[in-house]
N, C-alpha and C. Protein backbone atom coordinates (compact mmCIF):
# COMPACT_ATOMS: atom_id res chain seq x y z
N MET A 1 114.64 127.02 108.33
CA MET A 1 115.69 127.17 107.35
C MET A 1 115.05 127.15 105.95
N ASP A 2 115.21 128.24 105.24
CA ASP A 2 114.65 128.36 103.90
C ASP A 2 115.75 128.59 102.87
N PHE A 3 115.54 128.07 101.68
CA PHE A 3 116.42 128.32 100.55
C PHE A 3 115.53 128.68 99.37
N LEU A 4 115.71 129.88 98.84
CA LEU A 4 114.88 130.40 97.76
C LEU A 4 113.41 130.47 98.18
N GLY A 5 113.18 130.74 99.46
CA GLY A 5 111.81 130.86 99.95
C GLY A 5 111.08 129.53 100.13
N VAL A 6 111.82 128.42 100.04
CA VAL A 6 111.23 127.09 100.18
C VAL A 6 111.86 126.41 101.39
N SER A 7 111.03 125.85 102.26
CA SER A 7 111.54 125.21 103.47
C SER A 7 112.28 123.92 103.14
N PHE A 8 113.13 123.50 104.07
CA PHE A 8 113.88 122.26 103.91
C PHE A 8 112.93 121.07 103.73
N THR A 9 111.84 121.07 104.48
CA THR A 9 110.85 120.00 104.38
C THR A 9 110.27 119.94 102.96
N GLU A 10 109.95 121.09 102.40
CA GLU A 10 109.42 121.10 101.04
C GLU A 10 110.45 120.61 100.03
N TRP A 11 111.72 120.98 100.22
CA TRP A 11 112.78 120.51 99.31
C TRP A 11 112.85 118.98 99.33
N ILE A 12 112.69 118.37 100.50
CA ILE A 12 112.69 116.91 100.59
C ILE A 12 111.51 116.36 99.78
N GLY A 13 110.36 116.97 99.90
CA GLY A 13 109.18 116.55 99.14
C GLY A 13 109.39 116.69 97.64
N TYR A 14 109.98 117.80 97.22
CA TYR A 14 110.26 118.00 95.79
C TYR A 14 111.28 117.00 95.27
N ALA A 15 112.30 116.71 96.08
CA ALA A 15 113.31 115.72 95.68
C ALA A 15 112.67 114.34 95.55
N ALA A 16 111.79 113.99 96.48
CA ALA A 16 111.09 112.70 96.42
C ALA A 16 110.24 112.61 95.16
N MET A 17 109.52 113.67 94.86
CA MET A 17 108.68 113.71 93.67
C MET A 17 109.53 113.56 92.41
N ALA A 18 110.64 114.26 92.35
CA ALA A 18 111.51 114.20 91.18
C ALA A 18 112.07 112.79 90.97
N MET A 19 112.47 112.13 92.06
CA MET A 19 113.02 110.77 91.94
C MET A 19 111.95 109.80 91.46
N LEU A 20 110.75 109.92 91.98
CA LEU A 20 109.67 109.04 91.53
C LEU A 20 109.34 109.26 90.06
N LEU A 21 109.24 110.51 89.67
CA LEU A 21 108.97 110.79 88.26
C LEU A 21 110.10 110.28 87.36
N LEU A 22 111.33 110.49 87.78
CA LEU A 22 112.49 110.02 87.02
C LEU A 22 112.46 108.50 86.88
N SER A 23 112.07 107.81 87.93
CA SER A 23 112.07 106.34 87.89
C SER A 23 111.14 105.80 86.81
N PHE A 24 110.07 106.50 86.52
CA PHE A 24 109.11 106.03 85.53
C PHE A 24 109.56 106.26 84.09
N THR A 25 110.68 106.94 83.92
CA THR A 25 111.22 107.13 82.58
C THR A 25 112.23 106.04 82.21
N MET A 26 112.55 105.15 83.13
CA MET A 26 113.59 104.16 82.93
C MET A 26 113.04 102.86 82.36
N LYS A 27 113.83 102.26 81.49
CA LYS A 27 113.44 101.00 80.87
C LYS A 27 113.96 99.80 81.66
N ALA A 28 115.14 99.93 82.24
CA ALA A 28 115.73 98.83 83.01
C ALA A 28 115.03 98.74 84.37
N VAL A 29 114.44 97.58 84.65
CA VAL A 29 113.64 97.41 85.86
C VAL A 29 114.48 97.58 87.12
N THR A 30 115.69 97.06 87.14
CA THR A 30 116.54 97.17 88.34
C THR A 30 116.84 98.64 88.63
N LYS A 31 117.22 99.38 87.61
CA LYS A 31 117.51 100.80 87.80
C LYS A 31 116.26 101.54 88.24
N LEU A 32 115.11 101.20 87.64
CA LEU A 32 113.84 101.81 88.02
C LEU A 32 113.57 101.58 89.50
N ARG A 33 113.76 100.35 89.97
CA ARG A 33 113.48 100.03 91.38
C ARG A 33 114.43 100.77 92.32
N ILE A 34 115.69 100.93 91.93
CA ILE A 34 116.65 101.65 92.78
C ILE A 34 116.25 103.12 92.91
N VAL A 35 115.99 103.76 91.78
CA VAL A 35 115.63 105.18 91.80
C VAL A 35 114.28 105.37 92.49
N ASN A 36 113.34 104.49 92.24
CA ASN A 36 112.03 104.56 92.88
C ASN A 36 112.16 104.38 94.39
N SER A 37 113.04 103.48 94.81
CA SER A 37 113.27 103.26 96.24
C SER A 37 113.81 104.50 96.92
N ILE A 38 114.72 105.20 96.25
CA ILE A 38 115.25 106.45 96.81
C ILE A 38 114.12 107.47 96.96
N GLY A 39 113.28 107.57 95.94
CA GLY A 39 112.13 108.47 96.02
C GLY A 39 111.19 108.10 97.15
N CYS A 40 110.92 106.81 97.30
CA CYS A 40 110.03 106.36 98.38
C CYS A 40 110.63 106.66 99.75
N LEU A 41 111.93 106.42 99.89
CA LEU A 41 112.61 106.72 101.16
C LEU A 41 112.51 108.21 101.47
N LEU A 42 112.72 109.05 100.46
CA LEU A 42 112.59 110.49 100.67
C LEU A 42 111.16 110.87 101.05
N PHE A 43 110.18 110.21 100.45
CA PHE A 43 108.79 110.48 100.81
C PHE A 43 108.49 110.05 102.25
N VAL A 44 109.08 108.95 102.71
CA VAL A 44 108.89 108.53 104.10
C VAL A 44 109.48 109.59 105.03
N ILE A 45 110.68 110.05 104.72
CA ILE A 45 111.32 111.10 105.52
C ILE A 45 110.45 112.36 105.51
N TYR A 46 109.97 112.73 104.33
CA TYR A 46 109.10 113.90 104.19
C TYR A 46 107.84 113.74 105.05
N GLY A 47 107.24 112.57 105.03
CA GLY A 47 106.03 112.32 105.82
C GLY A 47 106.26 112.52 107.31
N PHE A 48 107.45 112.13 107.79
CA PHE A 48 107.78 112.32 109.20
C PHE A 48 108.09 113.79 109.52
N MET A 49 108.58 114.52 108.53
CA MET A 49 108.94 115.92 108.75
C MET A 49 107.73 116.84 108.80
N LEU A 50 106.62 116.42 108.21
CA LEU A 50 105.41 117.25 108.21
C LEU A 50 104.84 117.32 109.62
N ASP A 51 104.15 118.41 109.89
CA ASP A 51 103.53 118.58 111.20
C ASP A 51 102.05 118.84 111.01
N PRO A 52 101.17 117.95 111.37
CA PRO A 52 101.44 116.63 111.96
C PRO A 52 101.98 115.66 110.91
N ILE A 53 102.57 114.58 111.40
CA ILE A 53 103.14 113.61 110.45
C ILE A 53 102.04 113.07 109.55
N ALA A 54 102.43 112.74 108.32
CA ALA A 54 101.47 112.28 107.32
C ALA A 54 101.54 110.76 107.21
N LYS A 55 100.74 110.10 108.02
CA LYS A 55 100.76 108.63 108.05
C LYS A 55 100.47 107.99 106.70
N PRO A 56 99.51 108.48 105.90
CA PRO A 56 99.27 107.84 104.59
C PRO A 56 100.50 107.89 103.68
N ILE A 57 101.22 108.98 103.70
CA ILE A 57 102.44 109.09 102.88
C ILE A 57 103.49 108.11 103.38
N ILE A 58 103.65 108.01 104.68
CA ILE A 58 104.65 107.11 105.28
C ILE A 58 104.30 105.66 104.99
N ILE A 59 103.06 105.28 105.21
CA ILE A 59 102.65 103.88 105.04
C ILE A 59 102.75 103.45 103.57
N THR A 60 102.20 104.26 102.67
CA THR A 60 102.20 103.91 101.25
C THR A 60 103.61 103.78 100.71
N ASN A 61 104.44 104.79 100.94
CA ASN A 61 105.79 104.76 100.40
C ASN A 61 106.69 103.77 101.13
N GLY A 62 106.43 103.53 102.40
CA GLY A 62 107.16 102.49 103.12
C GLY A 62 106.86 101.11 102.54
N ALA A 63 105.60 100.88 102.20
CA ALA A 63 105.22 99.60 101.61
C ALA A 63 105.84 99.42 100.23
N ILE A 64 105.81 100.48 99.41
CA ILE A 64 106.42 100.40 98.07
C ILE A 64 107.92 100.18 98.20
N LEU A 65 108.54 100.84 99.14
CA LEU A 65 109.98 100.65 99.38
C LEU A 65 110.28 99.20 99.73
N CYS A 66 109.46 98.59 100.58
CA CYS A 66 109.66 97.18 100.94
C CYS A 66 109.51 96.26 99.73
N VAL A 67 108.53 96.52 98.88
CA VAL A 67 108.34 95.71 97.67
C VAL A 67 109.56 95.85 96.76
N ASN A 68 110.01 97.09 96.55
CA ASN A 68 111.20 97.31 95.72
C ASN A 68 112.41 96.59 96.28
N LEU A 69 112.63 96.70 97.58
CA LEU A 69 113.79 96.05 98.21
C LEU A 69 113.69 94.54 98.10
N TYR A 70 112.50 94.00 98.25
CA TYR A 70 112.31 92.55 98.13
C TYR A 70 112.78 92.08 96.76
N TYR A 71 112.31 92.74 95.70
CA TYR A 71 112.68 92.31 94.35
C TYR A 71 114.14 92.62 94.02
N LEU A 72 114.69 93.69 94.59
CA LEU A 72 116.10 93.98 94.35
C LEU A 72 117.00 92.95 95.02
N LEU A 73 116.64 92.53 96.23
CA LEU A 73 117.47 91.58 96.99
C LEU A 73 117.22 90.13 96.60
N LYS A 74 116.10 89.88 95.94
CA LYS A 74 115.74 88.52 95.53
C LYS A 74 116.68 87.99 94.44
N LYS A 75 117.20 88.89 93.60
CA LYS A 75 118.04 88.48 92.48
C LYS A 75 119.40 88.02 92.91
């Protein structure tokens, strides 16, 4: 399934990249962690969608997601 010549898997990767970049423009730490977590989750999904799966992408972004969730739920 392609849209504008870009596969669905690539769109997930681009969305993940956009969310991560957007998160670094935020001043409020809580908002930054929420947006960054969404980006990390999208990167984990993207890592599983690649063939073969991209374990470094999954592990790194899964770990960052856990750190973000820890600090978000700690408050």
